[in-house]
Amino acid sequence: MPPNTPRRWSICWRREPELAVRVAAAIHVGGRRWNLRVDGAIDVLLPESDPAGAWAQLARLERSNGLLKRDVQIGRSALPGSV
């Protein structure tokens, strides 16, 4: 079941604590998806379907490639296998 409530989402994001501490804000959009503000400057738009998978993938990409240290302002995970 996707983390579509604030309580479920808070459990989900704790699985990636290195990234979770960098989230300045999490906005629950329309009760179905999440927008995150990371490092106070980068907006990450998680998909409605499988936000937990997108969150885990974002954490993997950050660990392996430093994705969020690049000159990025908005990241949207809309397609399977993309962030």
N, C-alpha and C. Protein backbone atom coordinates (compact mmCIF):
# COMPACT_ATOMS: atom_id res chain seq x y z
N MET A 1 0.85 -1.19 0.00
CA MET A 1 0.00 0.00 0.00
C MET A 1 0.89 1.24 0.00
N PRO A 2 0.69 2.18 -0.92
CA PRO A 2 1.53 3.37 -0.97
C PRO A 2 1.32 4.26 0.25
N PRO A 3 2.35 4.99 0.63
CA PRO A 3 2.23 5.88 1.78
C PRO A 3 1.45 7.13 1.41
N ASN A 4 0.12 7.02 1.40
CA ASN A 4 -0.71 8.13 0.97
C ASN A 4 -1.25 8.97 2.12
N THR A 5 -0.83 8.69 3.32
CA THR A 5 -1.22 9.51 4.46
C THR A 5 0.06 10.03 5.12
N PRO A 6 -0.02 11.16 5.80
CA PRO A 6 1.19 11.68 6.45
C PRO A 6 1.84 10.67 7.40
N ARG A 7 1.06 9.92 8.13
CA ARG A 7 1.64 8.94 9.06
C ARG A 7 2.42 7.85 8.31
N ARG A 8 1.82 7.30 7.26
CA ARG A 8 2.50 6.27 6.47
C ARG A 8 3.74 6.85 5.79
N TRP A 9 3.63 8.08 5.31
CA TRP A 9 4.79 8.69 4.66
C TRP A 9 5.93 8.88 5.64
N SER A 10 5.65 9.31 6.86
CA SER A 10 6.73 9.52 7.83
C SER A 10 7.46 8.22 8.13
N ILE A 11 6.75 7.11 8.11
CA ILE A 11 7.39 5.80 8.31
C ILE A 11 8.27 5.49 7.10
N CYS A 12 7.77 5.75 5.92
CA CYS A 12 8.50 5.48 4.69
C CYS A 12 9.80 6.27 4.61
N TRP A 13 9.76 7.55 4.87
CA TRP A 13 10.96 8.36 4.65
C TRP A 13 12.04 8.08 5.68
N ARG A 14 11.68 7.53 6.82
CA ARG A 14 12.69 7.17 7.82
C ARG A 14 13.58 6.03 7.35
N ARG A 15 13.16 5.32 6.30
CA ARG A 15 13.98 4.23 5.76
C ARG A 15 15.22 4.77 5.04
N GLU A 16 15.22 6.05 4.73
CA GLU A 16 16.36 6.71 4.07
C GLU A 16 16.75 7.93 4.91
N PRO A 17 17.31 7.69 6.11
CA PRO A 17 17.54 8.81 7.04
C PRO A 17 18.51 9.87 6.54
N GLU A 18 19.50 9.47 5.72
CA GLU A 18 20.47 10.47 5.22
C GLU A 18 19.77 11.51 4.34
N LEU A 19 18.78 11.08 3.60
CA LEU A 19 18.02 11.98 2.75
C LEU A 19 16.89 12.66 3.54
N ALA A 20 16.28 11.94 4.44
CA ALA A 20 15.15 12.48 5.21
C ALA A 20 15.53 13.74 5.98
N VAL A 21 16.72 13.78 6.53
CA VAL A 21 17.12 14.97 7.31
C VAL A 21 17.28 16.20 6.43
N ARG A 22 17.36 16.01 5.13
CA ARG A 22 17.52 17.13 4.20
C ARG A 22 16.19 17.67 3.69
N VAL A 23 15.08 17.02 4.06
CA VAL A 23 13.76 17.47 3.63
C VAL A 23 13.29 18.60 4.55
N ALA A 24 13.14 19.78 3.95
CA ALA A 24 12.71 20.95 4.71
C ALA A 24 11.19 21.01 4.82
N ALA A 25 10.49 20.46 3.82
CA ALA A 25 9.02 20.48 3.83
C ALA A 25 8.50 19.33 2.99
N ALA A 26 7.37 18.79 3.42
CA ALA A 26 6.66 17.76 2.66
C ALA A 26 5.21 18.20 2.55
N ILE A 27 4.73 18.33 1.32
CA ILE A 27 3.37 18.80 1.09
C ILE A 27 2.56 17.66 0.49
N HIS A 28 1.47 17.33 1.16
CA HIS A 28 0.57 16.27 0.70
C HIS A 28 -0.42 16.91 -0.27
N VAL A 29 -0.27 16.65 -1.55
CA VAL A 29 -1.04 17.32 -2.60
C VAL A 29 -2.31 16.52 -2.90
N GLY A 30 -3.43 17.13 -2.66
CA GLY A 30 -4.71 16.52 -2.99
C GLY A 30 -4.98 15.20 -2.30
N GLY A 31 -4.27 14.94 -1.19
CA GLY A 31 -4.48 13.69 -0.46
C GLY A 31 -4.01 12.46 -1.21
N ARG A 32 -3.17 12.65 -2.25
CA ARG A 32 -2.79 11.49 -3.04
C ARG A 32 -1.32 11.42 -3.42
N ARG A 33 -0.60 12.53 -3.46
CA ARG A 33 0.81 12.51 -3.84
C ARG A 33 1.59 13.50 -2.99
N TRP A 34 2.92 13.49 -3.13
CA TRP A 34 3.78 14.31 -2.28
C TRP A 34 4.72 15.19 -3.10
N ASN A 35 4.88 16.43 -2.65
CA ASN A 35 5.94 17.32 -3.12
C ASN A 35 6.87 17.54 -1.94
N LEU A 36 8.17 17.38 -2.17
CA LEU A 36 9.16 17.56 -1.11
C LEU A 36 10.07 18.73 -1.45
N ARG A 37 10.47 19.49 -0.44
CA ARG A 37 11.48 20.53 -0.61
C ARG A 37 12.74 20.00 0.08
N VAL A 38 13.77 19.77 -0.73
CA VAL A 38 15.02 19.19 -0.23
C VAL A 38 16.08 20.29 -0.21
N ASP A 39 16.83 20.33 0.87
CA ASP A 39 17.90 21.32 1.06
C ASP A 39 17.40 22.76 0.92
N GLY A 40 16.11 22.95 1.16
CA GLY A 40 15.54 24.29 1.11
C GLY A 40 15.51 24.91 -0.28
N ALA A 41 15.85 24.15 -1.33
CA ALA A 41 15.94 24.74 -2.66
C ALA A 41 15.45 23.84 -3.78
N ILE A 42 15.39 22.54 -3.58
CA ILE A 42 15.05 21.61 -4.65
C ILE A 42 13.67 21.01 -4.38
N ASP A 43 12.78 21.14 -5.35
CA ASP A 43 11.45 20.54 -5.23
C ASP A 43 11.46 19.18 -5.90
N VAL A 44 11.07 18.16 -5.16
CA VAL A 44 10.96 16.80 -5.68
C VAL A 44 9.48 16.44 -5.69
N LEU A 45 8.97 16.10 -6.87
CA LEU A 45 7.56 15.77 -7.03
C LEU A 45 7.46 14.25 -7.15
N LEU A 46 7.00 13.61 -6.09
CA LEU A 46 6.88 12.16 -6.10
C LEU A 46 5.59 11.75 -6.82
N PRO A 47 5.60 10.62 -7.48
CA PRO A 47 4.42 10.17 -8.22
C PRO A 47 3.33 9.66 -7.28
N GLU A 48 2.12 9.68 -7.77
CA GLU A 48 1.00 9.14 -6.99
C GLU A 48 1.15 7.63 -6.79
N SER A 49 1.58 6.96 -7.85
CA SER A 49 1.78 5.51 -7.75
C SER A 49 3.21 5.24 -7.30
N ASP A 50 3.37 4.49 -6.25
CA ASP A 50 4.66 4.08 -5.68
C ASP A 50 5.58 5.22 -5.27
N PRO A 51 5.11 6.14 -4.43
CA PRO A 51 6.01 7.18 -3.94
C PRO A 51 7.15 6.62 -3.10
N ALA A 52 6.90 5.52 -2.41
CA ALA A 52 7.96 4.90 -1.60
C ALA A 52 9.09 4.39 -2.49
N GLY A 53 8.73 3.80 -3.63
CA GLY A 53 9.75 3.33 -4.57
C GLY A 53 10.54 4.48 -5.16
N ALA A 54 9.84 5.58 -5.49
CA ALA A 54 10.52 6.76 -6.03
C ALA A 54 11.45 7.38 -4.99
N TRP A 55 11.00 7.40 -3.73
CA TRP A 55 11.82 7.93 -2.64
C TRP A 55 13.09 7.09 -2.48
N ALA A 56 12.95 5.78 -2.50
CA ALA A 56 14.11 4.89 -2.38
C ALA A 56 15.05 5.07 -3.57
N GLN A 57 14.49 5.23 -4.76
CA GLN A 57 15.32 5.43 -5.94
C GLN A 57 16.07 6.76 -5.86
N LEU A 58 15.40 7.80 -5.40
CA LEU A 58 16.05 9.10 -5.23
C LEU A 58 17.23 8.97 -4.26
N ALA A 59 17.02 8.27 -3.16
CA ALA A 59 18.10 8.08 -2.18
C ALA A 59 19.27 7.32 -2.81
N ARG A 60 18.97 6.28 -3.59
CA ARG A 60 20.05 5.52 -4.27
C ARG A 60 20.83 6.42 -5.23
N LEU A 61 20.11 7.22 -6.02
CA LEU A 61 20.78 8.11 -6.97
C LEU A 61 21.61 9.18 -6.26
N GLU A 62 21.12 9.65 -5.14
CA GLU A 62 21.89 10.64 -4.37
C GLU A 62 23.17 10.01 -3.83
N ARG A 63 23.06 8.79 -3.31
CA ARG A 63 24.26 8.11 -2.78
C ARG A 63 25.27 7.81 -3.88
N SER A 64 24.79 7.34 -5.03
CA SER A 64 25.71 6.90 -6.08
C SER A 64 26.21 8.04 -6.97
N ASN A 65 25.39 9.06 -7.20
CA ASN A 65 25.75 10.11 -8.16
C ASN A 65 25.70 11.53 -7.63
N GLY A 66 25.29 11.71 -6.39
CA GLY A 66 25.16 13.07 -5.85
C GLY A 66 24.17 13.90 -6.65
N LEU A 67 23.08 13.27 -7.05
CA LEU A 67 22.09 13.90 -7.91
C LEU A 67 21.63 15.26 -7.39
N LEU A 68 21.37 15.38 -6.11
CA LEU A 68 20.82 16.61 -5.55
C LEU A 68 21.88 17.68 -5.30
N LYS A 69 23.14 17.34 -5.52
CA LYS A 69 24.21 18.33 -5.39
C LYS A 69 24.44 19.06 -6.71
N ARG A 70 23.77 18.61 -7.75
CA ARG A 70 23.89 19.24 -9.06
C ARG A 70 23.00 20.47 -9.13
N ASP A 71 23.11 21.21 -10.21
CA ASP A 71 22.33 22.42 -10.39
C ASP A 71 20.90 22.03 -10.82
N VAL A 72 20.11 21.60 -9.82
CA VAL A 72 18.75 21.12 -10.05
C VAL A 72 17.80 21.94 -9.20
N GLN A 73 16.66 22.29 -9.75
CA GLN A 73 15.65 22.99 -8.96
C GLN A 73 14.41 22.13 -8.75
N ILE A 74 14.02 21.37 -9.78
CA ILE A 74 12.83 20.52 -9.66
C ILE A 74 13.15 19.15 -10.22
N GLY A 75 12.77 18.13 -9.47
CA GLY A 75 12.89 16.76 -9.95
C GLY A 75 11.53 16.10 -9.90
N ARG A 76 11.15 15.47 -11.00
CA ARG A 76 9.83 14.83 -11.04
C ARG A 76 9.99 13.39 -11.45
N SER A 77 9.42 12.52 -10.67
CA SER A 77 9.45 11.10 -10.98
C SER A 77 8.09 10.72 -11.54
N ALA A 78 7.98 10.72 -12.87
CA ALA A 78 6.70 10.46 -13.50
C ALA A 78 6.65 9.13 -14.23
N LEU A 79 7.77 8.65 -14.66
CA LEU A 79 7.82 7.41 -15.42
C LEU A 79 8.53 6.33 -14.62
N PRO A 80 8.14 5.08 -14.76
CA PRO A 80 8.86 4.00 -14.08
C PRO A 80 10.34 4.05 -14.44
N GLY A 81 11.18 3.97 -13.41
CA GLY A 81 12.62 3.97 -13.63
C GLY A 81 13.23 5.34 -13.80
N SER A 82 12.47 6.40 -13.53
CA SER A 82 13.04 7.76 -13.67
C SER A 82 12.82 8.54 -12.40
N VAL A 83 13.68 9.52 -12.21
CA VAL A 83 13.54 10.47 -11.11
C VAL A 83 13.82 11.84 -11.65
